[in-house]
């Protein structure tokens, strides 16, 4: 199977709302932490979750100038994986960028919000984004991988590696570092691609939001080997 990486369009994000008519619940392109915050059991529930999630992604693609949204397609031109890289020429700023991942309090009254633990979603992503102020150098240009997901049925075939490598290539070309937060299980994969862990593991206790367990994220950086064109 041949995989190809190309830009993802607004129309394609909108069309993904119908994925539940084609794929089983859980085989859609809803990225973490949404599955933890909004578990689904039926196709109807999955379609509502997908519609809300893709609307959020579309808003960011349309309004956030830092976004580079990508897709990986297979031989039949089906989308098997997507990722959202960001380039910040003046460094990442939580004060400037943190609002993108948050749902406002008014969203709690929306009909679709019944199965969505919005406070948990805001806690996980808000904590992740705020923590960047502590470990990413301020005011320095960088790439950040914020969102990546591969269909469950297509994992292990190299799609995610292509999306990560895209960011590495830009980091090398421009001479600026690339950052991401990885799940504990995903750390070895990123390490093989040249990322290294920095500082301590970020662990969030989810019990206050009605979910048992911890949510762990490893802070990782790729340091380019050359100064690049931007240095």
C-alpha atoms as a PDB file:
ATOM      1  CA  UNK A   1       0.000   0.000   0.000  1.00  0.00           C
ATOM      2  CA  UNK A   2       1.307   3.419  -1.004  1.00  0.00           C
ATOM      3  CA  UNK A   3       0.706   6.333   1.349  1.00  0.00           C
ATOM      4  CA  UNK A   4       0.847   9.976   0.346  1.00  0.00           C
ATOM      5  CA  UNK A   5       0.845  13.105   2.514  1.00  0.00           C
ATOM      6  CA  UNK A   6      -0.965  16.215   1.225  1.00  0.00           C
ATOM      7  CA  UNK A   7      -2.675  19.306   2.732  1.00  0.00           C
ATOM      8  CA  UNK A   8      -6.109  18.816   4.277  1.00  0.00           C
ATOM      9  CA  UNK A   9      -8.850  21.162   3.088  1.00  0.00           C
ATOM     10  CA  UNK A  10     -11.835  22.728   4.800  1.00  0.00           C
ATOM     11  CA  UNK A  11     -14.234  20.772   2.584  1.00  0.00           C
ATOM     12  CA  UNK A  12     -12.569  17.510   3.611  1.00  0.00           C
ATOM     13  CA  UNK A  13     -12.929  18.317   7.302  1.00  0.00           C
ATOM     14  CA  UNK A  14     -16.616  18.975   6.742  1.00  0.00           C
ATOM     15  CA  UNK A  15     -17.027  15.768   4.743  1.00  0.00           C
ATOM     16  CA  UNK A  16     -15.516  13.755   7.614  1.00  0.00           C
ATOM     17  CA  UNK A  17     -18.697  14.380   9.583  1.00  0.00           C
ATOM     18  CA  UNK A  18     -20.196  11.559   7.503  1.00  0.00           C
ATOM     19  CA  UNK A  19     -17.439   9.086   8.380  1.00  0.00           C
ATOM     20  CA  UNK A  20     -19.739   7.243  10.753  1.00  0.00           C
ATOM     21  CA  UNK A  21     -21.808   6.170   7.746  1.00  0.00           C
ATOM     22  CA  UNK A  22     -18.714   4.362   6.444  1.00  0.00           C
ATOM     23  CA  UNK A  23     -16.587   3.422   9.471  1.00  0.00           C
ATOM     24  CA  UNK A  24     -17.425   1.747  12.754  1.00  0.00           C
ATOM     25  CA  UNK A  25     -17.640   3.925  15.908  1.00  0.00           C
ATOM     26  CA  UNK A  26     -14.104   4.402  17.142  1.00  0.00           C
ATOM     27  CA  UNK A  27     -12.593   4.137  13.653  1.00  0.00           C
ATOM     28  CA  UNK A  28     -13.140   7.810  12.898  1.00  0.00           C
ATOM     29  CA  UNK A  29     -10.570  10.599  13.071  1.00  0.00           C
ATOM     30  CA  UNK A  30     -11.386  11.999  16.486  1.00  0.00           C
ATOM     31  CA  UNK A  31      -8.133  12.643  18.296  1.00  0.00           C
ATOM     32  CA  UNK A  32      -7.264  12.529  21.995  1.00  0.00           C
ATOM     33  CA  UNK A  33      -8.389  13.478  24.524  1.00  0.00           C
ATOM     34  CA  UNK A  34     -11.902  13.543  22.976  1.00  0.00           C
ATOM     35  CA  UNK A  35     -12.492   9.742  23.253  1.00  0.00           C
ATOM     36  CA  UNK A  36     -11.836   9.974  27.002  1.00  0.00           C
ATOM     37  CA  UNK A  37     -14.024  13.038  27.434  1.00  0.00           C
ATOM     38  CA  UNK A  38     -16.798  11.834  25.130  1.00  0.00           C
ATOM     39  CA  UNK A  39     -17.124   8.041  24.923  1.00  0.00           C
ATOM     40  CA  UNK A  40     -19.658   6.748  22.391  1.00  0.00           C
ATOM     41  CA  UNK A  41     -21.403   3.427  21.864  1.00  0.00           C
ATOM     42  CA  UNK A  42     -23.688   3.943  18.864  1.00  0.00           C
ATOM     43  CA  UNK A  43     -23.247   5.331  15.365  1.00  0.00           C
ATOM     44  CA  UNK A  44     -25.602   8.195  16.198  1.00  0.00           C
ATOM     45  CA  UNK A  45     -23.504   9.189  19.213  1.00  0.00           C
ATOM     46  CA  UNK A  46     -20.315   8.870  17.161  1.00  0.00           C
ATOM     47  CA  UNK A  47     -21.712  11.088  14.422  1.00  0.00           C
ATOM     48  CA  UNK A  48     -22.675  13.821  16.891  1.00  0.00           C
ATOM     49  CA  UNK A  49     -19.219  13.702  18.448  1.00  0.00           C
ATOM     50  CA  UNK A  50     -17.552  13.762  15.049  1.00  0.00           C
ATOM     51  CA  UNK A  51     -19.659  16.706  13.850  1.00  0.00           C
ATOM     52  CA  UNK A  52     -18.776  18.805  16.906  1.00  0.00           C
ATOM     53  CA  UNK A  53     -15.108  17.837  16.787  1.00  0.00           C
ATOM     54  CA  UNK A  54     -14.695  18.575  13.083  1.00  0.00           C
ATOM     55  CA  UNK A  55     -16.486  21.912  13.464  1.00  0.00           C
ATOM     56  CA  UNK A  56     -13.859  22.848  16.060  1.00  0.00           C
ATOM     57  CA  UNK A  57     -11.063  21.732  13.742  1.00  0.00           C
ATOM     58  CA  UNK A  58     -12.565  23.652  10.816  1.00  0.00           C
ATOM     59  CA  UNK A  59     -12.745  26.823  12.882  1.00  0.00           C
ATOM     60  CA  UNK A  60      -9.066  26.591  13.695  1.00  0.00           C
ATOM     61  CA  UNK A  61      -8.053  25.824  10.111  1.00  0.00           C
ATOM     62  CA  UNK A  62     -10.029  28.820   8.907  1.00  0.00           C
ATOM     63  CA  UNK A  63      -8.998  31.365  11.549  1.00  0.00           C
ATOM     64  CA  UNK A  64      -5.605  30.347  12.967  1.00  0.00           C
ATOM     65  CA  UNK A  65      -2.755  31.476  10.684  1.00  0.00           C
ATOM     66  CA  UNK A  66      -0.268  29.147  12.394  1.00  0.00           C
ATOM     67  CA  UNK A  67      -2.062  25.985  11.200  1.00  0.00           C
ATOM     68  CA  UNK A  68      -0.705  23.480   8.703  1.00  0.00           C
ATOM     69  CA  UNK A  69      -3.338  20.715   8.482  1.00  0.00           C
ATOM     70  CA  UNK A  70      -2.257  17.543   6.705  1.00  0.00           C
ATOM     71  CA  UNK A  71      -3.733  14.217   5.663  1.00  0.00           C
ATOM     72  CA  UNK A  72      -2.343  10.856   4.621  1.00  0.00           C
ATOM     73  CA  UNK A  73      -4.249   9.034   1.881  1.00  0.00           C
ATOM     74  CA  UNK A  74      -3.930   5.473   0.618  1.00  0.00           C
ATOM     75  CA  UNK A  75      -4.124   4.007  -2.888  1.00  0.00           C
ATOM     76  CA  UNK A  76      -7.894   4.467  -2.975  1.00  0.00           C
ATOM     77  CA  UNK A  77      -7.523   8.120  -1.861  1.00  0.00           C
ATOM     78  CA  UNK A  78      -9.179   7.394   1.484  1.00  0.00           C
ATOM     79  CA  UNK A  79      -7.952   9.519   4.383  1.00  0.00           C
ATOM     80  CA  UNK A  80      -6.285   7.246   6.927  1.00  0.00           C
ATOM     81  CA  UNK A  81      -4.570   9.801   9.175  1.00  0.00           C
ATOM     82  CA  UNK A  82      -4.548  13.553   9.853  1.00  0.00           C
ATOM     83  CA  UNK A  83      -2.293  15.924  11.773  1.00  0.00           C
ATOM     84  CA  UNK A  84      -2.203  19.584  12.708  1.00  0.00           C
ATOM     85  CA  UNK A  85       1.225  21.186  12.817  1.00  0.00           C
ATOM     86  CA  UNK A  86       1.687  24.814  13.849  1.00  0.00           C
ATOM     87  CA  UNK A  87       4.480  27.235  13.105  1.00  0.00           C
ATOM     88  CA  UNK A  88       5.030  30.105  15.545  1.00  0.00           C
ATOM     89  CA  UNK A  89       7.572  32.637  14.210  1.00  0.00           C
ATOM     90  CA  UNK A  90       7.555  34.458  17.551  1.00  0.00           C
ATOM     91  CA  UNK A  91       7.305  31.380  19.766  1.00  0.00           C
ATOM     92  CA  UNK A  92       4.286  29.782  21.417  1.00  0.00           C
ATOM     93  CA  UNK A  93       2.229  31.999  23.746  1.00  0.00           C
ATOM     94  CA  UNK A  94      -0.520  30.506  25.907  1.00  0.00           C
ATOM     95  CA  UNK A  95      -2.070  33.936  26.414  1.00  0.00           C
ATOM     96  CA  UNK A  96      -2.380  34.314  22.662  1.00  0.00           C
ATOM     97  CA  UNK A  97      -3.141  30.732  21.621  1.00  0.00           C
ATOM     98  CA  UNK A  98      -4.705  28.946  24.606  1.00  0.00           C
ATOM     99  CA  UNK A  99      -8.311  29.795  23.765  1.00  0.00           C
ATOM    100  CA  UNK A 100      -8.385  27.664  20.618  1.00  0.00           C
ATOM    101  CA  UNK A 101      -8.785  24.335  22.427  1.00  0.00           C
ATOM    102  CA  UNK A 102     -11.339  25.502  25.007  1.00  0.00           C
ATOM    103  CA  UNK A 103     -15.113  25.207  24.838  1.00  0.00           C
ATOM    104  CA  UNK A 104     -16.905  28.191  26.454  1.00  0.00           C
ATOM    105  CA  UNK A 105     -19.285  27.677  29.432  1.00  0.00           C
ATOM    106  CA  UNK A 106     -22.244  28.350  27.135  1.00  0.00           C
ATOM    107  CA  UNK A 107     -21.462  25.110  25.290  1.00  0.00           C
ATOM    108  CA  UNK A 108     -22.657  23.141  28.337  1.00  0.00           C
ATOM    109  CA  UNK A 109     -26.250  24.051  27.469  1.00  0.00           C
ATOM    110  CA  UNK A 110     -26.005  22.834  23.862  1.00  0.00           C
ATOM    111  CA  UNK A 111     -28.103  19.719  23.043  1.00  0.00           C
ATOM    112  CA  UNK A 112     -25.007  17.880  21.781  1.00  0.00           C
ATOM    113  CA  UNK A 113     -23.088  18.450  25.039  1.00  0.00           C
ATOM    114  CA  UNK A 114     -25.015  15.845  27.037  1.00  0.00           C
ATOM    115  CA  UNK A 115     -22.403  13.120  26.519  1.00  0.00           C
ATOM    116  CA  UNK A 116     -19.389  15.412  26.376  1.00  0.00           C
ATOM    117  CA  UNK A 117     -17.413  16.051  29.559  1.00  0.00           C
ATOM    118  CA  UNK A 118     -16.459  19.587  28.534  1.00  0.00           C
ATOM    119  CA  UNK A 119     -14.821  20.534  31.868  1.00  0.00           C
ATOM    120  CA  UNK A 120     -12.536  17.492  31.535  1.00  0.00           C
ATOM    121  CA  UNK A 121     -11.647  18.373  27.949  1.00  0.00           C
ATOM    122  CA  UNK A 122     -10.831  21.953  28.931  1.00  0.00           C
ATOM    123  CA  UNK A 123      -8.788  20.770  31.909  1.00  0.00           C
ATOM    124  CA  UNK A 124      -6.617  18.374  29.894  1.00  0.00           C
ATOM    125  CA  UNK A 125      -5.969  20.650  26.925  1.00  0.00           C
ATOM    126  CA  UNK A 126      -5.769  23.817  29.005  1.00  0.00           C
ATOM    127  CA  UNK A 127      -3.221  22.216  31.340  1.00  0.00           C
ATOM    128  CA  UNK A 128      -1.199  20.912  28.412  1.00  0.00           C
ATOM    129  CA  UNK A 129      -1.120  24.264  26.657  1.00  0.00           C
ATOM    130  CA  UNK A 130      -0.411  26.334  29.777  1.00  0.00           C
ATOM    131  CA  UNK A 131       2.506  24.065  30.678  1.00  0.00           C
ATOM    132  CA  UNK A 132       4.228  24.961  27.409  1.00  0.00           C
ATOM    133  CA  UNK A 133       5.092  28.317  28.922  1.00  0.00           C
ATOM    134  CA  UNK A 134       7.358  26.432  31.350  1.00  0.00           C
ATOM    135  CA  UNK A 135       9.328  24.253  28.924  1.00  0.00           C
ATOM    136  CA  UNK A 136       9.232  25.854  25.467  1.00  0.00           C
ATOM    137  CA  UNK A 137      11.630  28.817  25.151  1.00  0.00           C
ATOM    138  CA  UNK A 138       9.646  32.034  24.937  1.00  0.00           C
ATOM    139  CA  UNK A 139       9.827  34.238  21.893  1.00  0.00           C
ATOM    140  CA  UNK A 140      11.773  31.742  19.778  1.00  0.00           C
ATOM    141  CA  UNK A 141      10.436  30.375  16.466  1.00  0.00           C
ATOM    142  CA  UNK A 142       9.231  26.787  16.626  1.00  0.00           C
ATOM    143  CA  UNK A 143       7.023  24.081  15.173  1.00  0.00           C
ATOM    144  CA  UNK A 144       4.449  22.377  17.423  1.00  0.00           C
ATOM    145  CA  UNK A 145       2.500  19.189  16.689  1.00  0.00           C
ATOM    146  CA  UNK A 146      -0.815  19.561  18.513  1.00  0.00           C
ATOM    147  CA  UNK A 147      -3.165  17.054  16.934  1.00  0.00           C
ATOM    148  CA  UNK A 148      -2.609  13.722  15.207  1.00  0.00           C
ATOM    149  CA  UNK A 149      -4.839  10.691  14.812  1.00  0.00           C
ATOM    150  CA  UNK A 150      -4.890   7.585  12.614  1.00  0.00           C
ATOM    151  CA  UNK A 151      -7.913   5.386  12.027  1.00  0.00           C
ATOM    152  CA  UNK A 152      -7.762   2.430  14.401  1.00  0.00           C
ATOM    153  CA  UNK A 153      -8.041   0.014  11.459  1.00  0.00           C
ATOM    154  CA  UNK A 154      -5.077   1.661   9.691  1.00  0.00           C
ATOM    155  CA  UNK A 155      -2.556   1.944  12.507  1.00  0.00           C
ATOM    156  CA  UNK A 156       0.883   0.395  12.250  1.00  0.00           C
ATOM    157  CA  UNK A 157       1.230   1.082   8.509  1.00  0.00           C
ATOM    158  CA  UNK A 158       3.407   4.190   8.663  1.00  0.00           C
ATOM    159  CA  UNK A 159       0.879   6.998   8.241  1.00  0.00           C
ATOM    160  CA  UNK A 160       1.661   8.714  11.549  1.00  0.00           C
ATOM    161  CA  UNK A 161       5.390   8.480  10.866  1.00  0.00           C
ATOM    162  CA  UNK A 162       4.890  10.390   7.599  1.00  0.00           C
ATOM    163  CA  UNK A 163       3.054  13.166   9.421  1.00  0.00           C
ATOM    164  CA  UNK A 164       5.710  13.466  12.111  1.00  0.00           C
ATOM    165  CA  UNK A 165       8.480  13.408   9.509  1.00  0.00           C
ATOM    166  CA  UNK A 166       6.798  16.319   7.702  1.00  0.00           C
ATOM    167  CA  UNK A 167       7.361  18.479  10.764  1.00  0.00           C
ATOM    168  CA  UNK A 168      10.908  17.222  11.246  1.00  0.00           C
ATOM    169  CA  UNK A 169      11.727  18.134   7.650  1.00  0.00           C
ATOM    170  CA  UNK A 170      10.453  21.692   8.189  1.00  0.00           C
ATOM    171  CA  UNK A 171      12.368  21.979  11.446  1.00  0.00           C
ATOM    172  CA  UNK A 172      15.571  20.922   9.681  1.00  0.00           C
ATOM    173  CA  UNK A 173      14.970  23.164   6.679  1.00  0.00           C
ATOM    174  CA  UNK A 174      14.303  26.252   8.787  1.00  0.00           C
ATOM    175  CA  UNK A 175      16.655  25.476  11.657  1.00  0.00           C
ATOM    176  CA  UNK A 176      13.977  25.764  14.347  1.00  0.00           C
ATOM    177  CA  UNK A 177      12.985  23.115  16.948  1.00  0.00           C
ATOM    178  CA  UNK A 178       9.811  21.032  16.845  1.00  0.00           C
ATOM    179  CA  UNK A 179       7.801  20.216  19.950  1.00  0.00           C
ATOM    180  CA  UNK A 180       5.036  17.803  20.883  1.00  0.00           C
ATOM    181  CA  UNK A 181       3.375  16.122  23.842  1.00  0.00           C
ATOM    182  CA  UNK A 182       3.351  12.333  23.536  1.00  0.00           C
ATOM    183  CA  UNK A 183       1.421   9.645  25.318  1.00  0.00           C
ATOM    184  CA  UNK A 184       3.626   7.372  27.398  1.00  0.00           C
ATOM    185  CA  UNK A 185       3.143   4.483  24.959  1.00  0.00           C
ATOM    186  CA  UNK A 186       4.108   6.676  22.008  1.00  0.00           C
ATOM    187  CA  UNK A 187       7.376   7.977  23.445  1.00  0.00           C
ATOM    188  CA  UNK A 188       9.636   5.256  21.985  1.00  0.00           C
ATOM    189  CA  UNK A 189       8.337   5.938  18.462  1.00  0.00           C
ATOM    190  CA  UNK A 190       9.141   9.637  18.690  1.00  0.00           C
ATOM    191  CA  UNK A 191      12.518   8.897  20.244  1.00  0.00           C
ATOM    192  CA  UNK A 192      13.418   6.702  17.267  1.00  0.00           C
ATOM    193  CA  UNK A 193      12.615   9.669  15.019  1.00  0.00           C
ATOM    194  CA  UNK A 194      14.974  11.970  16.909  1.00  0.00           C
ATOM    195  CA  UNK A 195      12.772  13.532  19.577  1.00  0.00           C
ATOM    196  CA  UNK A 196      13.963  13.549  23.168  1.00  0.00           C
ATOM    197  CA  UNK A 197      12.026  13.944  26.375  1.00  0.00           C
ATOM    198  CA  UNK A 198      12.529  17.105  28.392  1.00  0.00           C
ATOM    199  CA  UNK A 199      11.726  17.610  32.060  1.00  0.00           C
ATOM    200  CA  UNK A 200       9.303  15.462  34.016  1.00  0.00           C
ATOM    201  CA  UNK A 201       6.259  13.569  32.767  1.00  0.00           C
ATOM    202  CA  UNK A 202       3.093  15.657  33.002  1.00  0.00           C
ATOM    203  CA  UNK A 203       0.444  13.651  34.876  1.00  0.00           C
ATOM    204  CA  UNK A 204      -3.113  14.902  35.306  1.00  0.00           C
ATOM    205  CA  UNK A 205      -5.470  13.416  37.883  1.00  0.00           C
ATOM    206  CA  UNK A 206      -8.897  13.046  36.235  1.00  0.00           C
ATOM    207  CA  UNK A 207     -10.907  11.932  39.281  1.00  0.00           C
ATOM    208  CA  UNK A 208     -12.284  15.408  40.004  1.00  0.00           C
ATOM    209  CA  UNK A 209     -14.014  15.195  36.625  1.00  0.00           C
ATOM    210  CA  UNK A 210     -15.635  11.805  37.181  1.00  0.00           C
ATOM    211  CA  UNK A 211     -13.005   9.702  35.403  1.00  0.00           C
ATOM    212  CA  UNK A 212     -10.771   7.258  37.240  1.00  0.00           C
ATOM    213  CA  UNK A 213      -7.067   7.330  36.488  1.00  0.00           C
ATOM    214  CA  UNK A 214      -4.328   9.635  35.291  1.00  0.00           C
ATOM    215  CA  UNK A 215      -3.627  11.243  31.927  1.00  0.00           C
ATOM    216  CA  UNK A 216       0.085  11.310  31.182  1.00  0.00           C
ATOM    217  CA  UNK A 217       1.979  13.358  28.598  1.00  0.00           C
ATOM    218  CA  UNK A 218       5.696  13.440  27.827  1.00  0.00           C
ATOM    219  CA  UNK A 219       7.147  16.779  26.722  1.00  0.00           C
ATOM    220  CA  UNK A 220       9.384  16.166  23.731  1.00  0.00           C
ATOM    221  CA  UNK A 221      11.627  18.256  21.476  1.00  0.00           C
ATOM    222  CA  UNK A 222      13.336  17.686  18.159  1.00  0.00           C
ATOM    223  CA  UNK A 223      16.468  19.800  17.798  1.00  0.00           C
ATOM    224  CA  UNK A 224      17.508  20.261  14.147  1.00  0.00           C
ATOM    225  CA  UNK A 225      21.005  19.222  13.153  1.00  0.00           C
ATOM    226  CA  UNK A 226      21.557  22.210  10.868  1.00  0.00           C
ATOM    227  CA  UNK A 227      21.051  25.953  11.288  1.00  0.00           C
ATOM    228  CA  UNK A 228      18.637  26.017   8.357  1.00  0.00           C
ATOM    229  CA  UNK A 229      17.424  28.854   6.215  1.00  0.00           C
ATOM    230  CA  UNK A 230      15.669  30.658   9.082  1.00  0.00           C
ATOM    231  CA  UNK A 231      18.604  30.904  11.457  1.00  0.00           C
END
